[in-house]
Amino acid sequence: MTTSIPSILVIGQGPVAEAILRRVSVEVGDVITLAQPDAAAITALETSLDAAVIVAPPAPSSSLFLDIDDARLDAQLAHFTDLFEALGVLLGRLNPKGAIVLVGDRGYLGAWGAADACAFSGAYVALMRCVTLEGFSAGHRANCIALDLAQDGAGVDPDEIADLAVHLASPAGQAINGEIILANRGRSLRVREAKDRRADFAASASSKGPSL
């Protein structure tokens, strides 16, 4: 199935957003960019859209719950509010069977030292699932890509994330809707647990003596 997208809006900044722009510039007819969610700018667009990819800003650095101040919370709340308003306008500009992809993080699963980031990550996921439900009758799709948090260590290459985002935004991804895709090379499976279990298995096997 084709991955061609006649028109796409890319919202966001940073390496992942830049990689998405490089990827779509090869095969997309009309590419529109915004540095951040902006309902007024989307309203002013002179064309409808086949897809939109939104790259959320990275979570702030780790901070214990009791050390999180109002300024830090206010900054994240402001971005969430802008995204909320932009999505409301975007749904009205999206062509039938159009798609929205949000690139966020795995904070909705919980993480040490990231109470605020995790709370907003959960809000992003819930919002996108509501968009999925309300856009279903028009054939709209909405999916999330969840990246590792900064404290998790090295992340996935931005070009790989771009490939995934463009696939989800294109007709080739039409079977995927309302999903959260963890893009972290399986780190969410907790490889350490697998190693511990392997060690337990080896110890158990040795205690039974040599096999015949």
Protein backbone atom coordinates (compact mmCIF):
# COMPACT_ATOMS: atom_id res chain seq x y z
CA MET A 1 0.00 0.00 0.00
CA THR A 2 1.22 3.50 -0.82
CA THR A 3 2.78 5.76 1.78
CA SER A 4 2.12 8.88 -0.27
CA ILE A 5 0.52 11.77 1.62
CA PRO A 6 -0.72 14.69 -0.52
CA SER A 7 -0.58 17.23 2.32
CA ILE A 8 0.84 17.07 5.82
CA LEU A 9 1.32 19.40 8.79
CA VAL A 10 4.40 18.86 10.95
CA ILE A 11 4.37 20.55 14.34
CA GLY A 12 7.36 20.64 16.65
CA GLN A 13 11.07 21.28 16.98
CA GLY A 14 14.20 19.26 17.60
CA PRO A 15 15.94 16.26 15.99
CA VAL A 16 12.82 14.11 15.59
CA ALA A 17 10.79 16.90 13.97
CA GLU A 18 13.71 17.68 11.66
CA ALA A 19 14.01 14.01 10.68
CA ILE A 20 10.28 13.86 9.91
CA LEU A 21 10.59 16.93 7.70
CA ARG A 22 13.48 15.36 5.79
CA ARG A 23 11.46 12.19 5.35
CA VAL A 24 8.24 13.80 4.12
CA SER A 25 9.97 16.30 1.84
CA VAL A 26 10.89 13.37 -0.42
CA GLU A 27 7.38 12.16 -1.18
CA VAL A 28 4.77 14.60 0.15
CA GLY A 29 3.20 17.16 -2.15
CA ASP A 30 2.45 19.92 0.36
CA VAL A 31 4.36 20.19 3.66
CA ILE A 32 3.35 22.80 6.23
CA THR A 33 5.39 23.38 9.37
CA LEU A 34 4.73 25.01 12.72
CA ALA A 35 7.22 25.31 15.56
CA GLN A 36 4.52 24.66 18.14
CA PRO A 37 0.77 23.93 18.30
CA ASP A 38 -1.06 27.06 17.18
CA ALA A 39 -4.82 26.96 16.72
CA ALA A 40 -4.93 30.36 15.03
CA ALA A 41 -2.28 29.37 12.47
CA ILE A 42 -4.11 26.13 11.66
CA THR A 43 -7.38 28.04 11.25
CA ALA A 44 -5.67 30.36 8.78
CA LEU A 45 -4.49 27.53 6.52
CA GLU A 46 -5.86 27.79 3.00
CA THR A 47 -5.91 24.05 2.42
CA SER A 48 -7.26 20.97 4.14
CA LEU A 49 -4.86 18.33 5.42
CA ASP A 50 -4.40 14.62 4.91
CA ALA A 51 -2.22 14.15 7.96
CA ALA A 52 -0.54 15.88 10.87
CA VAL A 53 2.46 14.79 12.94
CA ILE A 54 2.97 16.55 16.25
CA VAL A 55 6.24 16.23 18.16
CA ALA A 56 5.79 17.06 21.83
CA PRO A 57 8.64 18.85 23.59
CA PRO A 58 10.97 16.62 25.63
CA ALA A 59 10.14 16.10 29.27
CA PRO A 60 12.03 18.32 31.71
CA SER A 61 15.00 16.95 33.64
CA SER A 62 14.37 14.61 36.55
CA SER A 63 13.04 16.18 39.71
CA LEU A 64 11.57 14.71 42.88
CA PHE A 65 7.86 15.29 43.40
CA LEU A 66 8.33 17.71 46.30
CA ASP A 67 10.89 19.76 44.34
CA ILE A 68 8.63 20.50 41.35
CA ASP A 69 7.75 24.21 41.32
CA ASP A 70 4.84 26.11 39.80
CA ALA A 71 6.89 27.57 36.93
CA ARG A 72 7.84 24.10 35.74
CA LEU A 73 4.23 22.95 35.89
CA ASP A 74 2.93 26.08 34.18
CA ALA A 75 5.24 25.61 31.20
CA GLN A 76 3.99 22.06 30.61
CA LEU A 77 0.38 23.08 31.16
CA ALA A 78 0.73 25.87 28.59
CA HIS A 79 1.94 23.43 25.93
CA PHE A 80 -0.84 20.97 26.73
CA THR A 81 -3.43 23.73 26.46
CA ASP A 82 -2.00 24.84 23.10
CA LEU A 83 -2.12 21.25 21.86
CA PHE A 84 -5.68 20.77 23.08
CA GLU A 85 -6.86 23.86 21.21
CA ALA A 86 -4.86 23.00 18.08
CA LEU A 87 -6.31 19.49 17.91
CA GLY A 88 -9.82 20.89 18.09
CA VAL A 89 -9.15 23.04 15.03
CA LEU A 90 -7.13 20.34 13.28
CA LEU A 91 -9.99 17.85 13.33
CA GLY A 92 -12.05 20.35 11.35
CA ARG A 93 -9.31 20.70 8.72
CA LEU A 94 -8.52 17.01 8.35
CA ASN A 95 -9.70 15.27 5.18
CA PRO A 96 -11.75 12.07 5.47
CA LYS A 97 -9.49 9.15 6.42
CA GLY A 98 -6.84 11.62 7.55
CA ALA A 99 -4.42 10.79 10.35
CA ILE A 100 -2.87 12.48 13.38
CA VAL A 101 0.32 11.16 14.98
CA LEU A 102 1.65 12.44 18.29
CA VAL A 103 5.28 11.72 19.15
CA GLY A 104 5.56 11.83 22.93
CA ASP A 105 7.22 9.72 25.61
CA ARG A 106 6.64 6.71 27.81
CA GLY A 107 5.94 8.83 30.87
CA TYR A 108 2.32 7.64 31.00
CA LEU A 109 3.75 4.35 32.35
CA GLY A 110 5.31 6.14 35.30
CA ALA A 111 8.95 6.93 36.05
CA TRP A 112 11.08 7.88 39.02
CA GLY A 113 11.72 11.63 39.33
CA ALA A 114 9.22 12.57 36.64
CA ALA A 115 5.84 12.95 38.33
CA ASP A 116 4.87 16.05 36.38
CA ALA A 117 6.11 14.77 33.02
CA CYS A 118 4.30 11.47 33.59
CA ALA A 119 1.06 13.24 34.45
CA PHE A 120 1.12 15.28 31.25
CA SER A 121 2.21 12.26 29.20
CA GLY A 122 -0.88 10.45 30.48
CA ALA A 123 -2.99 13.46 29.54
CA TYR A 124 -1.58 13.44 25.99
CA VAL A 125 -2.40 9.75 25.59
CA ALA A 126 -5.94 10.16 26.93
CA LEU A 127 -6.52 13.15 24.67
CA MET A 128 -5.36 11.27 21.59
CA ARG A 129 -7.61 8.35 22.40
CA CYS A 130 -10.55 10.72 22.65
CA VAL A 131 -9.58 12.12 19.24
CA THR A 132 -9.60 8.55 17.92
CA LEU A 133 -13.11 7.93 19.24
CA GLU A 134 -14.59 11.22 18.07
CA GLY A 135 -12.94 11.06 14.65
CA PHE A 136 -13.90 7.46 13.98
CA SER A 137 -17.08 8.27 12.05
CA ALA A 138 -15.08 10.42 9.60
CA GLY A 139 -12.47 7.69 9.15
CA HIS A 140 -9.85 9.71 11.01
CA ARG A 141 -7.00 7.90 12.75
CA ALA A 142 -4.96 8.99 15.75
CA ASN A 143 -1.92 7.22 17.19
CA CYS A 144 0.90 7.93 19.62
CA ILE A 145 4.58 7.07 19.45
CA ALA A 146 6.14 6.84 22.92
CA LEU A 147 9.88 7.44 23.21
CA ASP A 148 12.11 6.80 26.21
CA LEU A 149 12.57 9.58 28.74
CA ALA A 150 15.98 11.27 28.88
CA GLN A 151 16.91 9.43 32.09
CA ASP A 152 16.40 6.09 30.34
CA GLY A 153 19.62 6.58 28.38
CA ALA A 154 20.27 6.45 24.65
CA GLY A 155 17.11 6.66 22.57
CA VAL A 156 16.15 5.47 19.09
CA ASP A 157 17.62 7.20 16.03
CA PRO A 158 15.39 10.15 14.95
CA ASP A 159 15.34 8.87 11.36
CA GLU A 160 13.80 5.61 12.53
CA ILE A 161 11.16 7.50 14.49
CA ALA A 162 10.48 9.58 11.38
CA ASP A 163 9.93 6.44 9.30
CA LEU A 164 7.45 5.13 11.85
CA ALA A 165 5.61 8.45 12.14
CA VAL A 166 5.25 8.83 8.38
CA HIS A 167 4.03 5.23 8.07
CA LEU A 168 1.33 5.85 10.70
CA ALA A 169 0.32 9.10 9.00
CA SER A 170 0.08 7.50 5.55
CA PRO A 171 -2.58 5.25 4.00
CA ALA A 172 -0.22 2.33 4.58
CA GLY A 173 -0.92 2.64 8.32
CA GLN A 174 -4.69 2.64 8.10
CA ALA A 175 -5.04 -0.61 10.06
CA ILE A 176 -3.48 1.02 13.14
CA ASN A 177 -5.75 3.35 15.11
CA GLY A 178 -5.92 4.49 18.72
CA GLU A 179 -2.62 2.84 19.62
CA ILE A 180 0.44 3.78 21.66
CA ILE A 181 3.59 2.39 20.11
CA LEU A 182 6.61 2.15 22.39
CA ALA A 183 9.63 2.88 20.21
CA ASN A 184 12.49 1.92 22.51
CA ARG A 185 13.98 -1.27 21.08
CA GLY A 186 12.27 -3.46 23.64
CA ARG A 187 13.70 -1.75 26.71
CA SER A 188 10.19 -1.63 28.17
CA LEU A 189 10.40 -5.42 28.53
CA ARG A 190 13.00 -4.93 31.25
CA VAL A 191 15.92 -6.94 29.92
CA ARG A 192 17.37 -7.17 33.42
CA GLU A 193 14.37 -9.23 34.50
CA ALA A 194 14.97 -11.60 31.60
CA LYS A 195 18.62 -11.98 32.67
CA ASP A 196 17.58 -12.64 36.27
CA ARG A 197 15.13 -15.32 35.15
CA ARG A 198 17.80 -16.91 32.94
CA ALA A 199 20.15 -17.05 35.93
CA ASP A 200 17.40 -18.62 38.06
CA PHE A 201 16.76 -21.20 35.35
CA ALA A 202 20.45 -22.04 35.10
CA ALA A 203 20.72 -22.46 38.87
CA SER A 204 17.64 -24.68 38.92
CA ALA A 205 18.96 -26.84 36.08
CA SER A 206 22.36 -27.32 37.74
CA SER A 207 20.74 -28.36 41.02
CA LYS A 208 19.07 -31.28 39.24
CA GLY A 209 22.40 -32.70 38.17
CA PRO A 210 23.67 -33.58 34.69
CA SER A 211 21.15 -34.62 32.07
CA LEU A 212 21.35 -38.09 30.53
